[in-house]
Amino acid sequence: QGRGSAGAPGAAGAAAPQGRGSAGAPGAAGAAAPQGRGSAGTRQQRLFVKIAVGREHGNTLAGLQALLQEHTGPLPVVLFYEHDQRSLALPDRYRVKPSPDLLQAIETLLGPHTAVIK
C-alpha cells in the first residue's frame, strides 16, 4: 500500500528514485542539475507535490496519477514524501501543464499547501 504500490505514479518499475537531494525537496534550492542554458540564476521550474503522512495509500496516489495524466505538459513533477523526507522525480510521462485548476485539484486531493511550482 505504500509508495511502491501499483497505484503510485512512476511505480511501474521504469523509474527508480533519484535519491535524496537529486530531485530536490520543496524548499531545497539548487538541488537539481544545472540546465546548461540561460543565465546562471535560471533553472527549469518543477511542480512539487507533498505527500503527507497518512496520504500515502494507493487510492490517493491513483487519484494523483489520474490528475497528472489529465494535465499533460512540459513541467516536471517531483513528489516529496513527508514521512521519509524523500523526493522522487517522476518520469517524463507525468509532466504537466501548470494551471490554477491543477493546483486546486491536487490540494483538494492531498490537502492545503501540497502543490507548489518552483
Protein backbone atom coordinates (compact mmCIF):
# COMPACT_ATOMS: atom_id res chain seq x y z
CA GLN A 1 0.00 0.00 0.00
CA GLY A 2 2.97 2.34 0.27
CA ARG A 3 4.80 4.34 -2.31
CA GLY A 4 5.80 1.20 -4.18
CA SER A 5 2.21 0.20 -4.85
CA ALA A 6 0.93 -0.14 -8.37
CA GLY A 7 -1.24 2.94 -7.92
CA ALA A 8 1.69 5.29 -7.40
CA PRO A 9 2.76 7.46 -10.31
CA GLY A 10 6.04 6.12 -11.63
CA ALA A 11 5.81 2.93 -9.58
CA ALA A 12 5.72 0.62 -12.60
CA GLY A 13 9.41 -0.08 -12.13
CA ALA A 14 10.52 2.11 -15.03
CA ALA A 15 11.52 4.98 -12.77
CA ALA A 16 13.94 4.48 -9.94
CA PRO A 17 14.05 7.08 -7.19
CA GLN A 18 16.59 9.77 -7.90
CA GLY A 19 17.86 9.62 -4.34
CA ARG A 20 17.92 12.22 -1.64
CA GLY A 21 18.85 15.63 -2.89
CA SER A 22 18.98 14.62 -6.55
CA ALA A 23 15.45 15.63 -7.35
CA GLY A 24 15.21 18.21 -4.61
CA ALA A 25 12.64 18.64 -1.93
CA PRO A 26 10.29 21.57 -1.70
CA GLY A 27 12.34 24.35 -0.24
CA ALA A 28 15.66 22.83 -1.31
CA ALA A 29 17.21 25.38 -3.64
CA GLY A 30 19.71 24.28 -6.24
CA ALA A 31 19.22 20.54 -5.80
CA ALA A 32 18.58 19.90 -9.49
CA ALA A 33 21.33 19.50 -12.04
CA PRO A 34 22.02 22.70 -13.97
CA GLN A 35 20.10 23.05 -17.21
CA GLY A 36 23.07 24.49 -19.09
CA ARG A 37 21.11 27.29 -20.79
CA GLY A 38 20.11 30.79 -19.88
CA SER A 39 21.73 32.87 -17.17
CA ALA A 40 23.38 31.33 -14.14
CA GLY A 41 20.30 32.02 -12.00
CA THR A 42 17.84 30.41 -14.43
CA ARG A 43 16.58 26.94 -13.67
CA GLN A 44 13.68 24.95 -15.02
CA GLN A 45 10.59 25.14 -12.87
CA ARG A 46 9.07 21.97 -11.44
CA LEU A 47 5.83 21.05 -9.74
CA PHE A 48 6.49 19.77 -6.23
CA VAL A 49 3.73 17.68 -4.66
CA LYS A 50 3.92 16.90 -0.95
CA ILE A 51 2.55 13.53 0.11
CA ALA A 52 1.74 13.99 3.79
CA VAL A 53 1.79 11.21 6.36
CA GLY A 54 -1.47 9.29 6.06
CA ARG A 55 -1.96 10.23 2.39
CA GLU A 56 0.40 7.59 1.02
CA HIS A 57 -2.24 4.95 0.29
CA GLY A 58 -2.99 3.60 -3.18
CA ASN A 59 -6.35 5.31 -3.73
CA THR A 60 -4.90 8.77 -3.15
CA LEU A 61 -1.86 8.06 -5.31
CA ALA A 62 -4.08 6.66 -8.07
CA GLY A 63 -6.11 9.87 -7.93
CA LEU A 64 -2.94 11.93 -8.21
CA GLN A 65 -1.77 9.83 -11.13
CA ALA A 66 -5.06 10.46 -12.95
CA LEU A 67 -4.83 14.21 -12.29
CA LEU A 68 -1.31 14.41 -13.65
CA GLN A 69 -2.26 12.47 -16.77
CA GLU A 70 -5.23 14.80 -17.39
CA HIS A 71 -2.93 17.85 -17.41
CA THR A 72 -0.02 16.75 -19.58
CA GLY A 73 2.51 19.41 -20.47
CA PRO A 74 6.16 20.46 -20.17
CA LEU A 75 6.66 20.81 -16.39
CA PRO A 76 8.48 18.02 -14.50
CA VAL A 77 6.83 16.70 -11.31
CA VAL A 78 8.61 15.82 -8.08
CA LEU A 79 6.85 14.01 -5.24
CA PHE A 80 8.02 14.72 -1.72
CA TYR A 81 7.12 12.05 0.83
CA GLU A 82 6.86 13.85 4.17
CA HIS A 83 7.15 10.67 6.27
CA ASP A 84 10.50 9.65 4.76
CA GLN A 85 11.71 13.15 3.86
CA ARG A 86 12.37 11.62 0.43
CA SER A 87 11.90 13.06 -3.05
CA LEU A 88 11.01 11.18 -6.21
CA ALA A 89 11.30 12.79 -9.64
CA LEU A 90 8.56 11.29 -11.79
CA PRO A 91 9.19 10.08 -15.35
CA ASP A 92 8.57 12.44 -18.26
CA ARG A 93 5.18 10.86 -18.98
CA TYR A 94 3.91 12.62 -15.83
CA ARG A 95 4.98 16.13 -16.88
CA VAL A 96 2.15 18.61 -16.51
CA LYS A 97 0.80 21.88 -17.83
CA PRO A 98 0.52 24.02 -14.71
CA SER A 99 -2.76 25.76 -14.09
CA PRO A 100 -4.76 27.03 -11.12
CA ASP A 101 -7.23 24.18 -11.77
CA LEU A 102 -4.50 21.54 -11.47
CA LEU A 103 -3.06 23.03 -8.27
CA GLN A 104 -6.55 23.29 -6.75
CA ALA A 105 -7.35 19.68 -7.68
CA ILE A 106 -4.10 18.44 -6.11
CA GLU A 107 -4.79 20.39 -2.92
CA THR A 108 -8.36 19.07 -2.82
CA LEU A 109 -6.96 15.54 -3.02
CA LEU A 110 -3.91 15.92 -0.75
CA GLY A 111 -4.68 18.90 1.47
CA PRO A 112 -3.75 22.57 1.59
CA HIS A 113 -0.24 23.70 0.65
CA THR A 114 0.65 20.39 -1.01
CA ALA A 115 1.33 21.67 -4.53
CA VAL A 116 3.87 24.36 -5.41
CA ILE A 117 5.66 25.38 -8.57
CA LYS A 118 9.29 26.36 -8.03
